[in-house]
Amino acid sequence: MAEISFDDFLKVDIRVGTVTRAEPYPEARKPAIKLWVDFGDEIGERKSSAQITKHYDPEALVGKQVMAVVNFPPRQIGKFMSEILVLGLPDADGEIVLIGPDQPVPSGGRMH
């Protein structure tokens, strides 16, 4: 992978947000969950579609803090407009596990 400069890193705006709403997204090509994530007063609420159904139920996601890229352009995912990229890592089977802080922090905080 190519090296990037610190200035390149600063272009990616990664913030913590709190899931306010989550719904199954059965219309998606691959099983997914629709997420609404609150990033505080500066950014507000944004939505995303995430293929995280193996480890998460929509009801259990409400209140969870997640990390997301908030400065990508919106992307149409089926009939749903995704405004952020929620971040995760693959487990041993390649299923996504969400990334978030290990203790509560204010929504909207930028990753350093």
PDB file of N, CA and C in Angstrom:
ATOM      1  N   MET A   1       0.839  -1.172   0.000  1.00  0.00           N
ATOM      2  CA  MET A   1       0.000   0.000   0.000  1.00  0.00           C
ATOM      3  C   MET A   1       0.892   1.246   0.000  1.00  0.00           C
ATOM      4  N   ALA A   2       0.490   2.251  -0.738  1.00  0.00           N
ATOM      5  CA  ALA A   2       1.283   3.471  -0.847  1.00  0.00           C
ATOM      6  C   ALA A   2       1.241   4.281   0.445  1.00  0.00           C
ATOM      7  N   GLU A   3       2.345   4.924   0.760  1.00  0.00           N
ATOM      8  CA  GLU A   3       2.376   5.825   1.909  1.00  0.00           C
ATOM      9  C   GLU A   3       1.593   7.088   1.581  1.00  0.00           C
ATOM     10  N   ILE A   4       1.013   7.683   2.626  1.00  0.00           N
ATOM     11  CA  ILE A   4       0.330   8.962   2.475  1.00  0.00           C
ATOM     12  C   ILE A   4       0.957   9.946   3.447  1.00  0.00           C
ATOM     13  N   SER A   5       0.715  11.217   3.176  1.00  0.00           N
ATOM     14  CA  SER A   5       1.232  12.243   4.084  1.00  0.00           C
ATOM     15  C   SER A   5       0.225  12.468   5.211  1.00  0.00           C
ATOM     16  N   PHE A   6       0.674  13.148   6.260  1.00  0.00           N
ATOM     17  CA  PHE A   6      -0.228  13.495   7.351  1.00  0.00           C
ATOM     18  C   PHE A   6      -1.356  14.384   6.832  1.00  0.00           C
ATOM     19  N   ASP A   7      -1.054  15.275   5.891  1.00  0.00           N
ATOM     20  CA  ASP A   7      -2.094  16.126   5.300  1.00  0.00           C
ATOM     21  C   ASP A   7      -3.154  15.283   4.587  1.00  0.00           C
ATOM     22  N   ASP A   8      -2.734  14.192   3.932  1.00  0.00           N
ATOM     23  CA  ASP A   8      -3.705  13.292   3.303  1.00  0.00           C
ATOM     24  C   ASP A   8      -4.623  12.683   4.360  1.00  0.00           C
ATOM     25  N   PHE A   9      -4.048  12.239   5.473  1.00  0.00           N
ATOM     26  CA  PHE A   9      -4.830  11.661   6.566  1.00  0.00           C
ATOM     27  C   PHE A   9      -5.855  12.661   7.087  1.00  0.00           C
ATOM     28  N   LEU A  10      -5.448  13.926   7.214  1.00  0.00           N
ATOM     29  CA  LEU A  10      -6.352  14.944   7.754  1.00  0.00           C
ATOM     30  C   LEU A  10      -7.556  15.202   6.854  1.00  0.00           C
ATOM     31  N   LYS A  11      -7.474  14.820   5.593  1.00  0.00           N
ATOM     32  CA  LYS A  11      -8.598  15.006   4.659  1.00  0.00           C
ATOM     33  C   LYS A  11      -9.756  14.057   4.977  1.00  0.00           C
ATOM     34  N   VAL A  12      -9.461  12.944   5.636  1.00  0.00           N
ATOM     35  CA  VAL A  12     -10.506  11.971   5.978  1.00  0.00           C
ATOM     36  C   VAL A  12     -11.087  12.355   7.336  1.00  0.00           C
ATOM     37  N   ASP A  13     -12.360  12.726   7.343  1.00  0.00           N
ATOM     38  CA  ASP A  13     -13.025  13.178   8.562  1.00  0.00           C
ATOM     39  C   ASP A  13     -13.744  11.994   9.216  1.00  0.00           C
ATOM     40  N   ILE A  14     -13.092  11.400  10.225  1.00  0.00           N
ATOM     41  CA  ILE A  14     -13.648  10.251  10.943  1.00  0.00           C
ATOM     42  C   ILE A  14     -14.147  10.739  12.295  1.00  0.00           C
ATOM     43  N   ARG A  15     -15.434  10.522  12.541  1.00  0.00           N
ATOM     44  CA  ARG A  15     -16.082  11.007  13.763  1.00  0.00           C
ATOM     45  C   ARG A  15     -16.786   9.881  14.492  1.00  0.00           C
ATOM     46  N   VAL A  16     -17.038  10.104  15.779  1.00  0.00           N
ATOM     47  CA  VAL A  16     -17.848   9.188  16.563  1.00  0.00           C
ATOM     48  C   VAL A  16     -19.289   9.697  16.562  1.00  0.00           C
ATOM     49  N   GLY A  17     -20.202   8.755  16.419  1.00  0.00           N
ATOM     50  CA  GLY A  17     -21.615   9.095  16.465  1.00  0.00           C
ATOM     51  C   GLY A  17     -22.368   8.045  17.257  1.00  0.00           C
ATOM     52  N   THR A  18     -23.594   8.383  17.632  1.00  0.00           N
ATOM     53  CA  THR A  18     -24.441   7.488  18.409  1.00  0.00           C
ATOM     54  C   THR A  18     -25.627   7.061  17.557  1.00  0.00           C
ATOM     55  N   VAL A  19     -25.836   5.766  17.440  1.00  0.00           N
ATOM     56  CA  VAL A  19     -26.957   5.242  16.655  1.00  0.00           C
ATOM     57  C   VAL A  19     -28.259   5.632  17.342  1.00  0.00           C
ATOM     58  N   THR A  20     -29.131   6.325  16.600  1.00  0.00           N
ATOM     59  CA  THR A  20     -30.417   6.758  17.142  1.00  0.00           C
ATOM     60  C   THR A  20     -31.572   5.885  16.655  1.00  0.00           C
ATOM     61  N   ARG A  21     -31.340   5.208  15.520  1.00  0.00           N
ATOM     62  CA  ARG A  21     -32.390   4.380  14.918  1.00  0.00           C
ATOM     63  C   ARG A  21     -31.717   3.342  14.035  1.00  0.00           C
ATOM     64  N   ALA A  22     -32.276   2.139  13.987  1.00  0.00           N
ATOM     65  CA  ALA A  22     -31.749   1.076  13.134  1.00  0.00           C
ATOM     66  C   ALA A  22     -32.915   0.203  12.674  1.00  0.00           C
ATOM     67  N   GLU A  23     -32.902  -0.143  11.379  1.00  0.00           N
ATOM     68  CA  GLU A  23     -33.973  -0.950  10.803  1.00  0.00           C
ATOM     69  C   GLU A  23     -33.384  -2.000   9.872  1.00  0.00           C
ATOM     70  N   PRO A  24     -34.019  -3.157   9.781  1.00  0.00           N
ATOM     71  CA  PRO A  24     -33.588  -4.130   8.774  1.00  0.00           C
ATOM     72  C   PRO A  24     -33.731  -3.520   7.379  1.00  0.00           C
ATOM     73  N   TYR A  25     -32.885  -3.952   6.463  1.00  0.00           N
ATOM     74  CA  TYR A  25     -32.948  -3.489   5.073  1.00  0.00           C
ATOM     75  C   TYR A  25     -33.032  -4.706   4.157  1.00  0.00           C
ATOM     76  N   PRO A  26     -34.200  -5.367   4.139  1.00  0.00           N
ATOM     77  CA  PRO A  26     -34.339  -6.603   3.368  1.00  0.00           C
ATOM     78  C   PRO A  26     -34.250  -6.396   1.856  1.00  0.00           C
ATOM     79  N   GLU A  27     -34.465  -5.173   1.375  1.00  0.00           N
ATOM     80  CA  GLU A  27     -34.411  -4.904  -0.066  1.00  0.00           C
ATOM     81  C   GLU A  27     -32.980  -4.853  -0.601  1.00  0.00           C
ATOM     82  N   ALA A  28     -31.998  -4.768   0.266  1.00  0.00           N
ATOM     83  CA  ALA A  28     -30.604  -4.693  -0.167  1.00  0.00           C
ATOM     84  C   ALA A  28     -30.190  -6.010  -0.815  1.00  0.00           C
ATOM     85  N   ARG A  29     -29.211  -5.940  -1.752  1.00  0.00           N
ATOM     86  CA  ARG A  29     -28.724  -7.148  -2.416  1.00  0.00           C
ATOM     87  C   ARG A  29     -28.119  -8.136  -1.415  1.00  0.00           C
ATOM     88  N   LYS A  30     -27.351  -7.623  -0.455  1.00  0.00           N
ATOM     89  CA  LYS A  30     -26.807  -8.444   0.629  1.00  0.00           C
ATOM     90  C   LYS A  30     -27.505  -7.990   1.912  1.00  0.00           C
ATOM     91  N   PRO A  31     -27.740  -8.894   2.845  1.00  0.00           N
ATOM     92  CA  PRO A  31     -28.422  -8.494   4.094  1.00  0.00           C
ATOM     93  C   PRO A  31     -27.724  -7.287   4.737  1.00  0.00           C
ATOM     94  N   ALA A  32     -28.524  -6.305   5.125  1.00  0.00           N
ATOM     95  CA  ALA A  32     -27.976  -5.068   5.677  1.00  0.00           C
ATOM     96  C   ALA A  32     -28.926  -4.488   6.714  1.00  0.00           C
ATOM     97  N   ILE A  33     -28.424  -3.484   7.404  1.00  0.00           N
ATOM     98  CA  ILE A  33     -29.206  -2.735   8.386  1.00  0.00           C
ATOM     99  C   ILE A  33     -29.077  -1.255   8.049  1.00  0.00           C
ATOM    100  N   LYS A  34     -30.206  -0.552   8.040  1.00  0.00           N
ATOM    101  CA  LYS A  34     -30.199   0.914   7.877  1.00  0.00           C
ATOM    102  C   LYS A  34     -29.901   1.524   9.240  1.00  0.00           C
ATOM    103  N   LEU A  35     -28.971   2.467   9.272  1.00  0.00           N
ATOM    104  CA  LEU A  35     -28.592   3.141  10.511  1.00  0.00           C
ATOM    105  C   LEU A  35     -28.788   4.641  10.386  1.00  0.00           C
ATOM    106  N   TRP A  36     -29.280   5.264  11.446  1.00  0.00           N
ATOM    107  CA  TRP A  36     -29.305   6.710  11.589  1.00  0.00           C
ATOM    108  C   TRP A  36     -28.384   7.024  12.758  1.00  0.00           C
ATOM    109  N   VAL A  37     -27.375   7.861  12.503  1.00  0.00           N
ATOM    110  CA  VAL A  37     -26.332   8.106  13.491  1.00  0.00           C
ATOM    111  C   VAL A  37     -26.247   9.604  13.779  1.00  0.00           C
ATOM    112  N   ASP A  38     -26.289   9.959  15.056  1.00  0.00           N
ATOM    113  CA  ASP A  38     -26.204  11.365  15.489  1.00  0.00           C
ATOM    114  C   ASP A  38     -24.746  11.721  15.772  1.00  0.00           C
ATOM    115  N   PHE A  39     -24.258  12.766  15.076  1.00  0.00           N
ATOM    116  CA  PHE A  39     -22.890  13.243  15.258  1.00  0.00           C
ATOM    117  C   PHE A  39     -22.837  14.586  15.985  1.00  0.00           C
ATOM    118  N   GLY A  40     -23.868  14.916  16.730  1.00  0.00           N
ATOM    119  CA  GLY A  40     -23.867  16.161  17.498  1.00  0.00           C
ATOM    120  C   GLY A  40     -24.288  17.359  16.670  1.00  0.00           C
ATOM    121  N   ASP A  41     -24.219  18.536  17.298  1.00  0.00           N
ATOM    122  CA  ASP A  41     -24.736  19.767  16.693  1.00  0.00           C
ATOM    123  C   ASP A  41     -24.039  20.163  15.395  1.00  0.00           C
ATOM    124  N   GLU A  42     -22.738  19.983  15.300  1.00  0.00           N
ATOM    125  CA  GLU A  42     -21.992  20.443  14.121  1.00  0.00           C
ATOM    126  C   GLU A  42     -22.382  19.699  12.842  1.00  0.00           C
ATOM    127  N   ILE A  43     -22.585  18.390  12.939  1.00  0.00           N
ATOM    128  CA  ILE A  43     -22.861  17.570  11.760  1.00  0.00           C
ATOM    129  C   ILE A  43     -24.314  17.109  11.715  1.00  0.00           C
ATOM    130  N   GLY A  44     -24.889  16.829  12.869  1.00  0.00           N
ATOM    131  CA  GLY A  44     -26.270  16.363  12.929  1.00  0.00           C
ATOM    132  C   GLY A  44     -26.391  14.872  12.675  1.00  0.00           C
ATOM    133  N   GLU A  45     -27.581  14.457  12.295  1.00  0.00           N
ATOM    134  CA  GLU A  45     -27.854  13.047  12.059  1.00  0.00           C
ATOM    135  C   GLU A  45     -27.604  12.707  10.592  1.00  0.00           C
ATOM    136  N   ARG A  46     -26.941  11.589  10.367  1.00  0.00           N
ATOM    137  CA  ARG A  46     -26.679  11.082   9.013  1.00  0.00           C
ATOM    138  C   ARG A  46     -27.072   9.613   8.990  1.00  0.00           C
ATOM    139  N   LYS A  47     -27.293   9.086   7.779  1.00  0.00           N
ATOM    140  CA  LYS A  47     -27.729   7.700   7.663  1.00  0.00           C
ATOM    141  C   LYS A  47     -26.768   6.875   6.815  1.00  0.00           C
ATOM    142  N   SER A  48     -26.828   5.565   7.043  1.00  0.00           N
ATOM    143  CA  SER A  48     -25.954   4.635   6.331  1.00  0.00           C
ATOM    144  C   SER A  48     -26.619   3.273   6.241  1.00  0.00           C
ATOM    145  N   SER A  49     -26.194   2.504   5.262  1.00  0.00           N
ATOM    146  CA  SER A  49     -26.579   1.108   5.142  1.00  0.00           C
ATOM    147  C   SER A  49     -25.329   0.291   5.435  1.00  0.00           C
ATOM    148  N   ALA A  50     -25.438  -0.685   6.333  1.00  0.00           N
ATOM    149  CA  ALA A  50     -24.261  -1.461   6.733  1.00  0.00           C
ATOM    150  C   ALA A  50     -24.570  -2.958   6.701  1.00  0.00           C
ATOM    151  N   GLN A  51     -23.656  -3.728   6.125  1.00  0.00           N
ATOM    152  CA  GLN A  51     -23.797  -5.182   6.044  1.00  0.00           C
ATOM    153  C   GLN A  51     -23.224  -5.803   7.322  1.00  0.00           C
ATOM    154  N   ILE A  52     -24.008  -5.681   8.381  1.00  0.00           N
ATOM    155  CA  ILE A  52     -23.550  -6.096   9.717  1.00  0.00           C
ATOM    156  C   ILE A  52     -24.539  -7.048  10.389  1.00  0.00           C
ATOM    157  N   THR A  53     -25.350  -7.737   9.592  1.00  0.00           N
ATOM    158  CA  THR A  53     -26.436  -8.547  10.152  1.00  0.00           C
ATOM    159  C   THR A  53     -25.968  -9.796  10.896  1.00  0.00           C
ATOM    160  N   LYS A  54     -24.768 -10.270  10.669  1.00  0.00           N
ATOM    161  CA  LYS A  54     -24.290 -11.484  11.352  1.00  0.00           C
ATOM    162  C   LYS A  54     -24.065 -11.255  12.846  1.00  0.00           C
ATOM    163  N   HIS A  55     -23.625 -10.042  13.220  1.00  0.00           N
ATOM    164  CA  HIS A  55     -23.294  -9.779  14.618  1.00  0.00           C
ATOM    165  C   HIS A  55     -24.265  -8.830  15.330  1.00  0.00           C
ATOM    166  N   TYR A  56     -25.177  -8.188  14.579  1.00  0.00           N
ATOM    167  CA  TYR A  56     -25.996  -7.144  15.195  1.00  0.00           C
ATOM    168  C   TYR A  56     -27.464  -7.279  14.818  1.00  0.00           C
ATOM    169  N   ASP A  57     -28.324  -7.009  15.798  1.00  0.00           N
ATOM    170  CA  ASP A  57     -29.762  -6.858  15.587  1.00  0.00           C
ATOM    171  C   ASP A  57     -30.070  -5.369  15.640  1.00  0.00           C
ATOM    172  N   PRO A  58     -30.961  -4.883  14.785  1.00  0.00           N
ATOM    173  CA  PRO A  58     -31.242  -3.446  14.769  1.00  0.00           C
ATOM    174  C   PRO A  58     -31.579  -2.859  16.135  1.00  0.00           C
ATOM    175  N   GLU A  59     -32.407  -3.543  16.921  1.00  0.00           N
ATOM    176  CA  GLU A  59     -32.832  -3.006  18.216  1.00  0.00           C
ATOM    177  C   GLU A  59     -31.652  -2.803  19.160  1.00  0.00           C
ATOM    178  N   ALA A  60     -30.683  -3.703  19.101  1.00  0.00           N
ATOM    179  CA  ALA A  60     -29.535  -3.640  20.012  1.00  0.00           C
ATOM    180  C   ALA A  60     -28.539  -2.552  19.619  1.00  0.00           C
ATOM    181  N   LEU A  61     -28.643  -2.021  18.402  1.00  0.00           N
ATOM    182  CA  LEU A  61     -27.697  -0.996  17.939  1.00  0.00           C
ATOM    183  C   LEU A  61     -28.028   0.401  18.460  1.00  0.00           C
ATOM    184  N   VAL A  62     -29.284   0.643  18.798  1.00  0.00           N
ATOM    185  CA  VAL A  62     -29.685   1.979  19.266  1.00  0.00           C
ATOM    186  C   VAL A  62     -28.927   2.305  20.551  1.00  0.00           C
ATOM    187  N   GLY A  63     -28.257   3.454  20.546  1.00  0.00           N
ATOM    188  CA  GLY A  63     -27.454   3.891  21.681  1.00  0.00           C
ATOM    189  C   GLY A  63     -25.979   3.535  21.558  1.00  0.00           C
ATOM    190  N   LYS A  64     -25.632   2.663  20.613  1.00  0.00           N
ATOM    191  CA  LYS A  64     -24.237   2.250  20.422  1.00  0.00           C
ATOM    192  C   LYS A  64     -23.455   3.372  19.746  1.00  0.00           C
ATOM    193  N   GLN A  65     -22.229   3.592  20.185  1.00  0.00           N
ATOM    194  CA  GLN A  65     -21.356   4.582  19.545  1.00  0.00           C
ATOM    195  C   GLN A  65     -20.501   3.886  18.497  1.00  0.00           C
ATOM    196  N   VAL A  66     -20.432   4.490  17.316  1.00  0.00           N
ATOM    197  CA  VAL A  66     -19.695   3.934  16.178  1.00  0.00           C
ATOM    198  C   VAL A  66     -18.802   5.006  15.575  1.00  0.00           C
ATOM    199  N   MET A  67     -17.802   4.555  14.835  1.00  0.00           N
ATOM    200  CA  MET A  67     -16.925   5.464  14.098  1.00  0.00           C
ATOM    201  C   MET A  67     -17.357   5.448  12.639  1.00  0.00           C
ATOM    202  N   ALA A  68     -17.278   6.626  11.982  1.00  0.00           N
ATOM    203  CA  ALA A  68     -17.695   6.713  10.586  1.00  0.00           C
ATOM    204  C   ALA A  68     -16.948   7.829   9.870  1.00  0.00           C
ATOM    205  N   VAL A  69     -16.746   7.620   8.570  1.00  0.00           N
ATOM    206  CA  VAL A  69     -16.238   8.682   7.707  1.00  0.00           C
ATOM    207  C   VAL A  69     -17.442   9.537   7.334  1.00  0.00           C
ATOM    208  N   VAL A  70     -17.371  10.840   7.629  1.00  0.00           N
ATOM    209  CA  VAL A  70     -18.528  11.715   7.408  1.00  0.00           C
ATOM    210  C   VAL A  70     -18.358  12.651   6.214  1.00  0.00           C
ATOM    211  N   ASN A  71     -17.212  12.597   5.525  1.00  0.00           N
ATOM    212  CA  ASN A  71     -17.020  13.535   4.415  1.00  0.00           C
ATOM    213  C   ASN A  71     -16.890  12.862   3.053  1.00  0.00           C
ATOM    214  N   PHE A  72     -17.470  11.659   2.903  1.00  0.00           N
ATOM    215  CA  PHE A  72     -17.623  11.068   1.576  1.00  0.00           C
ATOM    216  C   PHE A  72     -18.903  11.622   0.962  1.00  0.00           C
ATOM    217  N   PRO A  73     -18.996  11.681  -0.367  1.00  0.00           N
ATOM    218  CA  PRO A  73     -20.267  12.086  -0.974  1.00  0.00           C
ATOM    219  C   PRO A  73     -21.332  11.010  -0.738  1.00  0.00           C
ATOM    220  N   PRO A  74     -22.610  11.398  -0.668  1.00  0.00           N
ATOM    221  CA  PRO A  74     -23.676  10.404  -0.493  1.00  0.00           C
ATOM    222  C   PRO A  74     -23.642   9.370  -1.613  1.00  0.00           C
ATOM    223  N   ARG A  75     -24.090   8.142  -1.281  1.00  0.00           N
ATOM    224  CA  ARG A  75     -24.073   7.054  -2.248  1.00  0.00           C
ATOM    225  C   ARG A  75     -25.404   6.313  -2.175  1.00  0.00           C
ATOM    226  N   GLN A  76     -26.008   6.102  -3.332  1.00  0.00           N
ATOM    227  CA  GLN A  76     -27.280   5.388  -3.403  1.00  0.00           C
ATOM    228  C   GLN A  76     -27.040   3.890  -3.217  1.00  0.00           C
ATOM    229  N   ILE A  77     -27.688   3.304  -2.209  1.00  0.00           N
ATOM    230  CA  ILE A  77     -27.615   1.867  -1.948  1.00  0.00           C
ATOM    231  C   ILE A  77     -29.036   1.334  -2.120  1.00  0.00           C
ATOM    232  N   GLY A  78     -29.349   0.856  -3.309  1.00  0.00           N
ATOM    233  CA  GLY A  78     -30.724   0.463  -3.614  1.00  0.00           C
ATOM    234  C   GLY A  78     -31.613   1.696  -3.571  1.00  0.00           C
ATOM    235  N   LYS A  79     -32.665   1.643  -2.758  1.00  0.00           N
ATOM    236  CA  LYS A  79     -33.579   2.784  -2.621  1.00  0.00           C
ATOM    237  C   LYS A  79     -33.205   3.675  -1.444  1.00  0.00           C
ATOM    238  N   PHE A  80     -32.047   3.442  -0.851  1.00  0.00           N
ATOM    239  CA  PHE A  80     -31.625   4.147   0.369  1.00  0.00           C
ATOM    240  C   PHE A  80     -30.370   4.968   0.076  1.00  0.00           C
ATOM    241  N   MET A  81     -30.360   6.236   0.485  1.00  0.00           N
ATOM    242  CA  MET A  81     -29.197   7.100   0.288  1.00  0.00           C
ATOM    243  C   MET A  81     -28.296   7.030   1.513  1.00  0.00           C
ATOM    244  N   SER A  82     -27.106   6.502   1.330  1.00  0.00           N
ATOM    245  CA  SER A  82     -26.128   6.383   2.416  1.00  0.00           C
ATOM    246  C   SER A  82     -25.265   7.648   2.429  1.00  0.00           C
ATOM    247  N   GLU A  83     -25.184   8.295   3.583  1.00  0.00           N
ATOM    248  CA  GLU A  83     -24.482   9.579   3.702  1.00  0.00           C
ATOM    249  C   GLU A  83     -23.133   9.478   4.406  1.00  0.00           C
ATOM    250  N   ILE A  84     -22.865   8.356   5.059  1.00  0.00           N
ATOM    251  CA  ILE A  84     -21.620   8.148   5.804  1.00  0.00           C
ATOM    252  C   ILE A  84     -21.140   6.724   5.562  1.00  0.00           C
ATOM    253  N   LEU A  85     -19.877   6.469   5.897  1.00  0.00           N
ATOM    254  CA  LEU A  85     -19.334   5.116   5.856  1.00  0.00           C
ATOM    255  C   LEU A  85     -19.016   4.708   7.291  1.00  0.00           C
ATOM    256  N   VAL A  86     -19.849   3.817   7.838  1.00  0.00           N
ATOM    257  CA  VAL A  86     -19.622   3.313   9.180  1.00  0.00           C
ATOM    258  C   VAL A  86     -18.461   2.321   9.101  1.00  0.00           C
ATOM    259  N   LEU A  87     -17.530   2.411  10.055  1.00  0.00           N
ATOM    260  CA  LEU A  87     -16.300   1.629   9.990  1.00  0.00           C
ATOM    261  C   LEU A  87     -16.376   0.344  10.815  1.00  0.00           C
ATOM    262  N   GLY A  88     -15.742  -0.692  10.294  1.00  0.00           N
ATOM    263  CA  GLY A  88     -15.685  -1.969  10.977  1.00  0.00           C
ATOM    264  C   GLY A  88     -14.493  -2.773  10.514  1.00  0.00           C
ATOM    265  N   LEU A  89     -14.305  -3.903  11.148  1.00  0.00           N
ATOM    266  CA  LEU A  89     -13.214  -4.829  10.826  1.00  0.00           C
ATOM    267  C   LEU A  89     -13.790  -6.222  10.617  1.00  0.00           C
ATOM    268  N   PRO A  90     -13.189  -7.024   9.734  1.00  0.00           N
ATOM    269  CA  PRO A  90     -13.697  -8.380   9.546  1.00  0.00           C
ATOM    270  C   PRO A  90     -13.263  -9.310  10.679  1.00  0.00           C
ATOM    271  N   ASP A  91     -14.187 -10.184  11.092  1.00  0.00           N
ATOM    272  CA  ASP A  91     -13.821 -11.224  12.048  1.00  0.00           C
ATOM    273  C   ASP A  91     -13.147 -12.370  11.283  1.00  0.00           C
ATOM    274  N   ALA A  92     -12.905 -13.496  11.930  1.00  0.00           N
ATOM    275  CA  ALA A  92     -12.218 -14.626  11.294  1.00  0.00           C
ATOM    276  C   ALA A  92     -12.985 -15.187  10.095  1.00  0.00           C
ATOM    277  N   ASP A  93     -14.308 -14.960  10.057  1.00  0.00           N
ATOM    278  CA  ASP A  93     -15.132 -15.432   8.943  1.00  0.00           C
ATOM    279  C   ASP A  93     -15.416 -14.346   7.919  1.00  0.00           C
ATOM    280  N   GLY A  94     -14.810 -13.161   8.091  1.00  0.00           N
ATOM    281  CA  GLY A  94     -15.023 -12.059   7.152  1.00  0.00           C
ATOM    282  C   GLY A  94     -16.265 -11.238   7.430  1.00  0.00           C
ATOM    283  N   GLU A  95     -16.950 -11.484   8.539  1.00  0.00           N
ATOM    284  CA  GLU A  95     -18.147 -10.721   8.904  1.00  0.00           C
ATOM    285  C   GLU A  95     -17.733  -9.471   9.674  1.00  0.00           C
ATOM    286  N   ILE A  96     -18.413  -8.361   9.417  1.00  0.00           N
ATOM    287  CA  ILE A  96     -18.000  -7.061   9.955  1.00  0.00           C
ATOM    288  C   ILE A  96     -18.377  -6.886  11.421  1.00  0.00           C
ATOM    289  N   VAL A  97     -17.399  -6.399  12.189  1.00  0.00           N
ATOM    290  CA  VAL A  97     -17.554  -6.001  13.588  1.00  0.00           C
ATOM    291  C   VAL A  97     -17.313  -4.499  13.633  1.00  0.00           C
ATOM    292  N   LEU A  98     -18.272  -3.749  14.161  1.00  0.00           N
ATOM    293  CA  LEU A  98     -18.174  -2.283  14.184  1.00  0.00           C
ATOM    294  C   LEU A  98     -17.038  -1.791  15.079  1.00  0.00           C
ATOM    295  N   ILE A  99     -16.495  -0.634  14.712  1.00  0.00           N
ATOM    296  CA  ILE A  99     -15.458   0.034  15.495  1.00  0.00           C
ATOM    297  C   ILE A  99     -16.102   1.173  16.276  1.00  0.00           C
ATOM    298  N   GLY A 100     -15.778   1.273  17.554  1.00  0.00           N
ATOM    299  CA  GLY A 100     -16.283   2.364  18.371  1.00  0.00           C
ATOM    300  C   GLY A 100     -15.422   2.538  19.599  1.00  0.00           C
ATOM    301  N   PRO A 101     -15.622   3.623  20.344  1.00  0.00           N
ATOM    302  CA  PRO A 101     -14.831   3.855  21.554  1.00  0.00           C
ATOM    303  C   PRO A 101     -15.155   2.817  22.623  1.00  0.00           C
ATOM    304  N   ASP A 102     -14.183   2.572  23.518  1.00  0.00           N
ATOM    305  CA  ASP A 102     -14.410   1.583  24.576  1.00  0.00           C
ATOM    306  C   ASP A 102     -15.014   2.198  25.835  1.00  0.00           C
ATOM    307  N   GLN A 103     -15.271   3.517  25.795  1.00  0.00           N
ATOM    308  CA  GLN A 103     -16.029   4.174  26.851  1.00  0.00           C
ATOM    309  C   GLN A 103     -16.777   5.344  26.224  1.00  0.00           C
ATOM    310  N   PRO A 104     -17.872   5.806  26.832  1.00  0.00           N
ATOM    311  CA  PRO A 104     -18.682   6.869  26.215  1.00  0.00           C
ATOM    312  C   PRO A 104     -17.876   8.151  26.005  1.00  0.00           C
ATOM    313  N   VAL A 105     -18.070   8.759  24.824  1.00  0.00           N
ATOM    314  CA  VAL A 105     -17.472  10.051  24.484  1.00  0.00           C
ATOM    315  C   VAL A 105     -18.550  10.908  23.831  1.00  0.00           C
ATOM    316  N   PRO A 106     -18.377  12.222  23.783  1.00  0.00           N
ATOM    317  CA  PRO A 106     -19.384  13.068  23.146  1.00  0.00           C
ATOM    318  C   PRO A 106     -19.491  12.791  21.643  1.00  0.00           C
ATOM    319  N   SER A 107     -20.731  12.681  21.156  1.00  0.00           N
ATOM    320  CA  SER A 107     -20.942  12.472  19.726  1.00  0.00           C
ATOM    321  C   SER A 107     -20.364  13.630  18.933  1.00  0.00           C
ATOM    322  N   GLY A 108     -19.771  13.307  17.803  1.00  0.00           N
ATOM    323  CA  GLY A 108     -19.185  14.310  16.927  1.00  0.00           C
ATOM    324  C   GLY A 108     -17.697  14.464  17.072  1.00  0.00           C
ATOM    325  N   GLY A 109     -17.098  13.840  18.094  1.00  0.00           N
ATOM    326  CA  GLY A 109     -15.657  13.943  18.290  1.00  0.00           C
ATOM    327  C   GLY A 109     -14.903  13.383  17.094  1.00  0.00           C
ATOM    328  N   ARG A 110     -13.860  14.101  16.680  1.00  0.00           N
ATOM    329  CA  ARG A 110     -13.061  13.679  15.523  1.00  0.00           C
ATOM    330  C   ARG A 110     -11.924  12.780  15.970  1.00  0.00           C
ATOM    331  N   MET A 111     -11.681  11.729  15.184  1.00  0.00           N
ATOM    332  CA  MET A 111     -10.583  10.819  15.484  1.00  0.00           C
ATOM    333  C   MET A 111      -9.250  11.529  15.281  1.00  0.00           C
ATOM    334  N   HIS A 112      -8.308  11.303  16.201  1.00  0.00           N
ATOM    335  CA  HIS A 112      -6.963  11.878  16.109  1.00  0.00           C
ATOM    336  C   HIS A 112      -5.978  10.793  15.782  1.00  0.00           C
TER     337      HIS A 112
END
